[in-house]
C-alpha atoms as a PDB file:
ATOM      1  CA  MET A   1      -0.022   0.045  -0.012  1.00  0.00           C
ATOM      2  CA  THR A   2       1.371   3.227  -0.920  1.00  0.00           C
ATOM      3  CA  ALA A   3       0.475   6.521   0.880  1.00  0.00           C
ATOM      4  CA  SER A   4       1.245  10.098  -0.132  1.00  0.00           C
ATOM      5  CA  ALA A   5       1.907  12.909   1.987  1.00  0.00           C
ATOM      6  CA  SER A   6      -0.984  15.237   2.848  1.00  0.00           C
ATOM      7  CA  PRO A   7      -0.882  18.648   1.298  1.00  0.00           C
ATOM      8  CA  ALA A   8      -0.576  19.933   4.701  1.00  0.00           C
ATOM      9  CA  ALA A   9       2.509  18.095   5.492  1.00  0.00           C
ATOM     10  CA  VAL A  10       3.938  19.004   2.237  1.00  0.00           C
ATOM     11  CA  ALA A  11       3.393  22.674   2.786  1.00  0.00           C
ATOM     12  CA  ALA A  12       4.739  22.446   6.284  1.00  0.00           C
ATOM     13  CA  THR A  13       8.146  20.911   5.158  1.00  0.00           C
ATOM     14  CA  ALA A  14       8.571  23.390   2.530  1.00  0.00           C
ATOM     15  CA  ALA A  15       7.945  26.385   4.937  1.00  0.00           C
ATOM     16  CA  LEU A  16      10.714  24.954   7.042  1.00  0.00           C
ATOM     17  CA  ALA A  17      13.079  24.758   4.214  1.00  0.00           C
ATOM     18  CA  ALA A  18      16.080  27.647   3.699  1.00  0.00           C
ATOM     19  CA  PRO A  19      14.444  30.833   3.332  1.00  0.00           C
ATOM     20  CA  VAL A  20      14.777  32.892  -0.109  1.00  0.00           C
ATOM     21  CA  GLY A  21      18.482  33.964  -0.655  1.00  0.00           C
ATOM     22  CA  GLN A  22      19.997  31.328   1.449  1.00  0.00           C
ATOM     23  CA  PRO A  23      21.640  28.175   0.066  1.00  0.00           C
ATOM     24  CA  ALA A  24      19.465  24.938   0.541  1.00  0.00           C
ATOM     25  CA  SER A  25      22.311  23.454   2.990  1.00  0.00           C
ATOM     26  CA  THR A  26      22.081  26.298   5.341  1.00  0.00           C
ATOM     27  CA  PRO A  27      21.784  24.936   8.745  1.00  0.00           C
ATOM     28  CA  LEU A  28      18.540  26.055  10.526  1.00  0.00           C
ATOM     29  CA  THR A  29      17.249  26.088  14.097  1.00  0.00           C
ATOM     30  CA  ARG A  30      13.795  25.508  14.763  1.00  0.00           C
ATOM     31  CA  VAL A  31      12.041  26.605  17.820  1.00  0.00           C
ATOM     32  CA  ALA A  32       8.614  25.546  19.062  1.00  0.00           C
ATOM     33  CA  LEU A  33       6.222  28.126  20.253  1.00  0.00           C
ATOM     34  CA  ALA A  34       2.722  27.424  21.735  1.00  0.00           C
ATOM     35  CA  TYR A  35      -0.054  29.081  23.385  1.00  0.00           C
ATOM     36  CA  ILE A  36      -3.029  27.563  25.335  1.00  0.00           C
ATOM     37  CA  ASP A  37      -5.193  30.305  26.889  1.00  0.00           C
ATOM     38  CA  GLN A  38      -4.649  30.664  30.676  1.00  0.00           C
ATOM     39  CA  ARG A  39      -2.630  27.629  30.933  1.00  0.00           C
ATOM     40  CA  PHE A  40       0.525  27.660  28.676  1.00  0.00           C
ATOM     41  CA  ASP A  41       2.403  30.179  26.851  1.00  0.00           C
ATOM     42  CA  LEU A  42       5.918  29.685  25.034  1.00  0.00           C
ATOM     43  CA  TYR A  43       6.832  32.581  23.081  1.00  0.00           C
ATOM     44  CA  LEU A  44       9.735  34.724  21.768  1.00  0.00           C
ATOM     45  CA  ARG A  45      10.612  37.851  23.899  1.00  0.00           C
ATOM     46  CA  PHE A  46      13.185  38.821  21.238  1.00  0.00           C
ATOM     47  CA  GLY A  47      14.982  37.284  18.283  1.00  0.00           C
ATOM     48  CA  GLU A  48      14.797  37.867  14.357  1.00  0.00           C
ATOM     49  CA  PRO A  49      13.250  34.512  12.939  1.00  0.00           C
ATOM     50  CA  ALA A  50      13.999  34.085   9.147  1.00  0.00           C
ATOM     51  CA  ARG A  51      10.264  32.552   9.048  1.00  0.00           C
ATOM     52  CA  ILE A  52       7.512  31.581  11.364  1.00  0.00           C
ATOM     53  CA  VAL A  53       5.616  28.651  10.290  1.00  0.00           C
ATOM     54  CA  ARG A  54       1.883  28.166  11.905  1.00  0.00           C
ATOM     55  CA  LEU A  55       1.529  24.340  12.417  1.00  0.00           C
ATOM     56  CA  ASP A  56      -1.981  24.555  13.880  1.00  0.00           C
ATOM     57  CA  ARG A  57      -4.348  26.851  16.200  1.00  0.00           C
ATOM     58  CA  TRP A  58      -1.940  26.555  19.165  1.00  0.00           C
ATOM     59  CA  ARG A  59       1.344  25.781  17.858  1.00  0.00           C
ATOM     60  CA  ARG A  60       3.947  27.670  15.666  1.00  0.00           C
ATOM     61  CA  CYS A  61       7.593  26.939  14.621  1.00  0.00           C
ATOM     62  CA  ALA A  62       9.911  29.778  14.318  1.00  0.00           C
ATOM     63  CA  VAL A  63      13.001  29.270  12.073  1.00  0.00           C
ATOM     64  CA  PHE A  64      16.503  30.799  12.652  1.00  0.00           C
ATOM     65  CA  LEU A  65      19.559  31.394  10.800  1.00  0.00           C
ATOM     66  CA  PRO A  66      22.989  30.174  12.300  1.00  0.00           C
ATOM     67  CA  ASN A  67      24.399  32.632  14.912  1.00  0.00           C
ATOM     68  CA  ALA A  68      20.985  34.213  15.632  1.00  0.00           C
ATOM     69  CA  VAL A  69      20.309  35.133  19.304  1.00  0.00           C
ATOM     70  CA  LEU A  70      17.061  34.950  20.716  1.00  0.00           C
ATOM     71  CA  CYS A  71      15.107  34.814  23.786  1.00  0.00           C
ATOM     72  CA  ARG A  72      12.264  32.107  24.491  1.00  0.00           C
ATOM     73  CA  ILE A  73       9.940  32.443  27.484  1.00  0.00           C
ATOM     74  CA  ARG A  74       7.948  29.606  29.043  1.00  0.00           C
ATOM     75  CA  TRP A  75       4.977  30.403  31.063  1.00  0.00           C
ATOM     76  CA  GLN A  76       2.752  27.625  32.549  1.00  0.00           C
ATOM     77  CA  ALA A  77      -0.395  27.902  35.062  1.00  0.00           C
ATOM     78  CA  ASN A  78      -2.827  25.674  36.629  1.00  0.00           C
ATOM     79  CA  ASP A  79      -5.905  26.368  38.398  1.00  0.00           C
ATOM     80  CA  TYR A  80      -4.472  28.149  41.200  1.00  0.00           C
ATOM     81  CA  GLY A  81      -2.018  30.222  39.151  1.00  0.00           C
ATOM     82  CA  THR A  82       1.560  30.285  37.844  1.00  0.00           C
ATOM     83  CA  ILE A  83       3.450  27.297  38.289  1.00  0.00           C
ATOM     84  CA  ARG A  84       6.678  27.772  36.137  1.00  0.00           C
ATOM     85  CA  TRP A  85       8.385  30.925  34.620  1.00  0.00           C
ATOM     86  CA  GLN A  86      11.578  29.986  32.408  1.00  0.00           C
ATOM     87  CA  LEU A  87      13.453  32.535  30.136  1.00  0.00           C
ATOM     88  CA  MET A  88      16.119  31.315  27.824  1.00  0.00           C
ATOM     89  CA  VAL A  89      18.597  33.323  25.776  1.00  0.00           C
ATOM     90  CA  MET A  90      20.246  30.892  23.279  1.00  0.00           C
ATOM     91  CA  GLN A  91      22.115  31.344  20.022  1.00  0.00           C
ATOM     92  CA  ALA A  92      21.401  29.257  16.934  1.00  0.00           C
ATOM     93  CA  CYS A  93      24.469  27.093  15.948  1.00  0.00           C
ATOM     94  CA  THR A  94      26.094  25.531  12.871  1.00  0.00           C
ATOM     95  CA  PRO A  95      26.681  21.639  12.496  1.00  0.00           C
ATOM     96  CA  LEU A  96      30.155  22.321  13.673  1.00  0.00           C
ATOM     97  CA  ASP A  97      29.460  24.252  16.718  1.00  0.00           C
ATOM     98  CA  GLY A  98      29.009  22.490  20.261  1.00  0.00           C
ATOM     99  CA  ALA A  99      25.133  22.827  20.724  1.00  0.00           C
ATOM    100  CA  GLN A 100      23.120  21.914  23.882  1.00  0.00           C
ATOM    101  CA  ARG A 101      20.057  20.046  23.567  1.00  0.00           C
ATOM    102  CA  ILE A 102      17.051  22.114  24.691  1.00  0.00           C
ATOM    103  CA  PRO A 103      13.308  20.845  24.731  1.00  0.00           C
ATOM    104  CA  GLY A 104      11.525  22.264  21.645  1.00  0.00           C
ATOM    105  CA  VAL A 105      14.613  23.400  19.993  1.00  0.00           C
ATOM    106  CA  GLN A 106      15.764  21.444  17.095  1.00  0.00           C
ATOM    107  CA  PRO A 107      18.749  20.544  16.574  1.00  0.00           C
ATOM    108  CA  GLY A 108      19.978  22.508  19.678  1.00  0.00           C
ATOM    109  CA  ALA A 109      21.208  25.757  20.474  1.00  0.00           C
ATOM    110  CA  ARG A 110      24.019  27.407  22.393  1.00  0.00           C
ATOM    111  CA  LEU A 111      22.560  28.238  25.730  1.00  0.00           C
ATOM    112  CA  LEU A 112      23.686  31.696  26.754  1.00  0.00           C
ATOM    113  CA  LEU A 113      21.245  32.099  29.917  1.00  0.00           C
ATOM    114  CA  HIS A 114      18.748  30.285  31.783  1.00  0.00           C
ATOM    115  CA  ALA A 115      16.367  31.920  34.362  1.00  0.00           C
ATOM    116  CA  GLU A 116      13.999  29.929  36.112  1.00  0.00           C
ATOM    117  CA  GLY A 117      11.527  31.231  38.548  1.00  0.00           C
ATOM    118  CA  ASP A 118       9.565  34.734  39.026  1.00  0.00           C
ATOM    119  CA  GLY A 119      12.317  36.446  40.574  1.00  0.00           C
ATOM    120  CA  GLN A 120      14.998  35.507  38.250  1.00  0.00           C
ATOM    121  CA  VAL A 121      12.922  36.085  35.131  1.00  0.00           C
ATOM    122  CA  ARG A 122      11.735  39.445  36.465  1.00  0.00           C
ATOM    123  CA  ALA A 123      15.412  40.604  36.767  1.00  0.00           C
ATOM    124  CA  VAL A 124      16.210  39.503  33.435  1.00  0.00           C
ATOM    125  CA  LEU A 125      13.277  41.010  31.605  1.00  0.00           C
ATOM    126  CA  GLU A 126      14.078  44.151  33.500  1.00  0.00           C
ATOM    127  CA  ARG A 127      17.543  44.086  31.935  1.00  0.00           C
ATOM    128  CA  ILE A 128      16.198  43.317  28.441  1.00  0.00           C
ATOM    129  CA  ASP A 129      13.696  46.424  28.873  1.00  0.00           C
ATOM    130  CA  ALA A 130      16.633  48.643  29.796  1.00  0.00           C
ATOM    131  CA  ILE A 131      18.732  47.439  26.669  1.00  0.00           C
ATOM    132  CA  GLU A 132      15.910  48.384  24.590  1.00  0.00           C
ATOM    133  CA  ALA A 133      15.484  51.731  26.266  1.00  0.00           C
ATOM    134  CA  ARG A 134      18.865  52.482  25.129  1.00  0.00           C
ATOM    135  CA  GLY A 135      18.030  52.041  21.589  1.00  0.00           C
ATOM    136  CA  ILE A 136      19.947  48.454  21.141  1.00  0.00           C
ATOM    137  CA  ALA A 137      18.321  45.402  19.951  1.00  0.00           C
ATOM    138  CA  PRO A 138      18.696  42.739  22.725  1.00  0.00           C
ATOM    139  CA  ALA A 139      19.346  40.188  19.892  1.00  0.00           C
ATOM    140  CA  ASP A 140      22.467  42.420  18.730  1.00  0.00           C
ATOM    141  CA  ALA A 141      23.867  42.357  22.620  1.00  0.00           C
ATOM    142  CA  SER A 142      27.067  40.692  22.987  1.00  0.00           C
ATOM    143  CA  PRO A 143      26.626  37.042  23.926  1.00  0.00           C
ATOM    144  CA  ALA A 144      29.418  37.554  26.542  1.00  0.00           C
ATOM    145  CA  TYR A 145      26.789  39.816  28.574  1.00  0.00           C
ATOM    146  CA  TRP A 146      24.067  37.181  28.445  1.00  0.00           C
ATOM    147  CA  ARG A 147      26.665  34.658  29.763  1.00  0.00           C
ATOM    148  CA  THR A 148      27.816  37.114  32.584  1.00  0.00           C
ATOM    149  CA  LEU A 149      24.120  37.648  33.478  1.00  0.00           C
ATOM    150  CA  ALA A 150      23.521  34.040  33.882  1.00  0.00           C
ATOM    151  CA  ASN A 151      26.790  33.660  36.112  1.00  0.00           C
ATOM    152  CA  ARG A 152      25.746  36.526  38.325  1.00  0.00           C
ATOM    153  CA  LEU A 153      22.035  34.900  38.461  1.00  0.00           C
ATOM    154  CA  ALA A 154      23.570  31.754  39.644  1.00  0.00           C
ATOM    155  CA  ALA A 155      25.928  33.583  42.129  1.00  0.00           C
ATOM    156  CA  ARG A 156      23.250  35.735  43.353  1.00  0.00           C
ATOM    157  CA  LEU A 157      25.138  38.720  42.669  1.00  0.00           C
ATOM    158  CA  PRO A 158      23.951  42.177  41.371  1.00  0.00           C
ATOM    159  CA  LEU A 159      23.376  42.116  37.685  1.00  0.00           C
ATOM    160  CA  PRO A 160      25.300  44.598  35.599  1.00  0.00           C
ATOM    161  CA  ASP A 161      23.892  46.781  32.956  1.00  0.00           C
ATOM    162  CA  TYR A 162      24.436  46.764  29.420  1.00  0.00           C
ATOM    163  CA  THR A 163      25.903  49.994  28.491  1.00  0.00           C
ATOM    164  CA  VAL A 164      26.453  51.714  25.082  1.00  0.00           C
ATOM    165  CA  GLU A 165      30.393  51.578  25.733  1.00  0.00           C
ATOM    166  CA  ARG A 166      30.069  47.867  26.182  1.00  0.00           C
ATOM    167  CA  HIS A 167      27.876  47.466  23.035  1.00  0.00           C
ATOM    168  CA  ALA A 168      30.460  49.639  20.915  1.00  0.00           C
ATOM    169  CA  ALA A 169      33.289  47.463  22.233  1.00  0.00           C
ATOM    170  CA  TRP A 170      31.297  44.287  21.281  1.00  0.00           C
ATOM    171  CA  LEU A 171      30.730  45.816  17.813  1.00  0.00           C
ATOM    172  CA  THR A 172      34.204  46.765  17.269  1.00  0.00           C
ATOM    173  CA  GLY A 173      35.547  43.529  18.358  1.00  0.00           C
ATOM    174  CA  ARG A 174      32.989  41.654  15.989  1.00  0.00           C
ATOM    175  CA  ALA A 175      34.317  43.635  13.230  1.00  0.00           C
ATOM    176  CA  LEU A 176      38.057  42.906  13.716  1.00  0.00           C
ATOM    177  CA  PRO A 177      39.564  40.153  11.500  1.00  0.00           C
END
């Protein structure tokens, strides 16, 4: 018995292919997103996906090019209120990079920051808002800053601000050969 793929499956597979202007061999990182009213929300706080594919009423898939930085927030609730807050800042990888396995991220990503719980997530969101207030896109911030923030959270030390000077130094260093 032969079965052909449904038109929806063919359309979803084509939508996850390399974006226009990119070679077909470009390694893409797929990030699962979902929303169930009053129960579950898995969304992007920042990041520039090459494409977002709507899988069904509740689920979407964001596709990122290599080295793209993104922030995904997970919020879960039950009948009594919030049960989980999680924030992850990650960087899409190439096949030659060391990547971590992260649920909902295929094939994986480089984890720059992981915040768990109301206090940590709110502290990181304040830093993200401060970066945006300075006119800097959080996705363009230095990966070293996100790692520093993660280490400071783990050590329960004061969190550093991302300054315009730090951003200028990051851009200058990135431009060097």
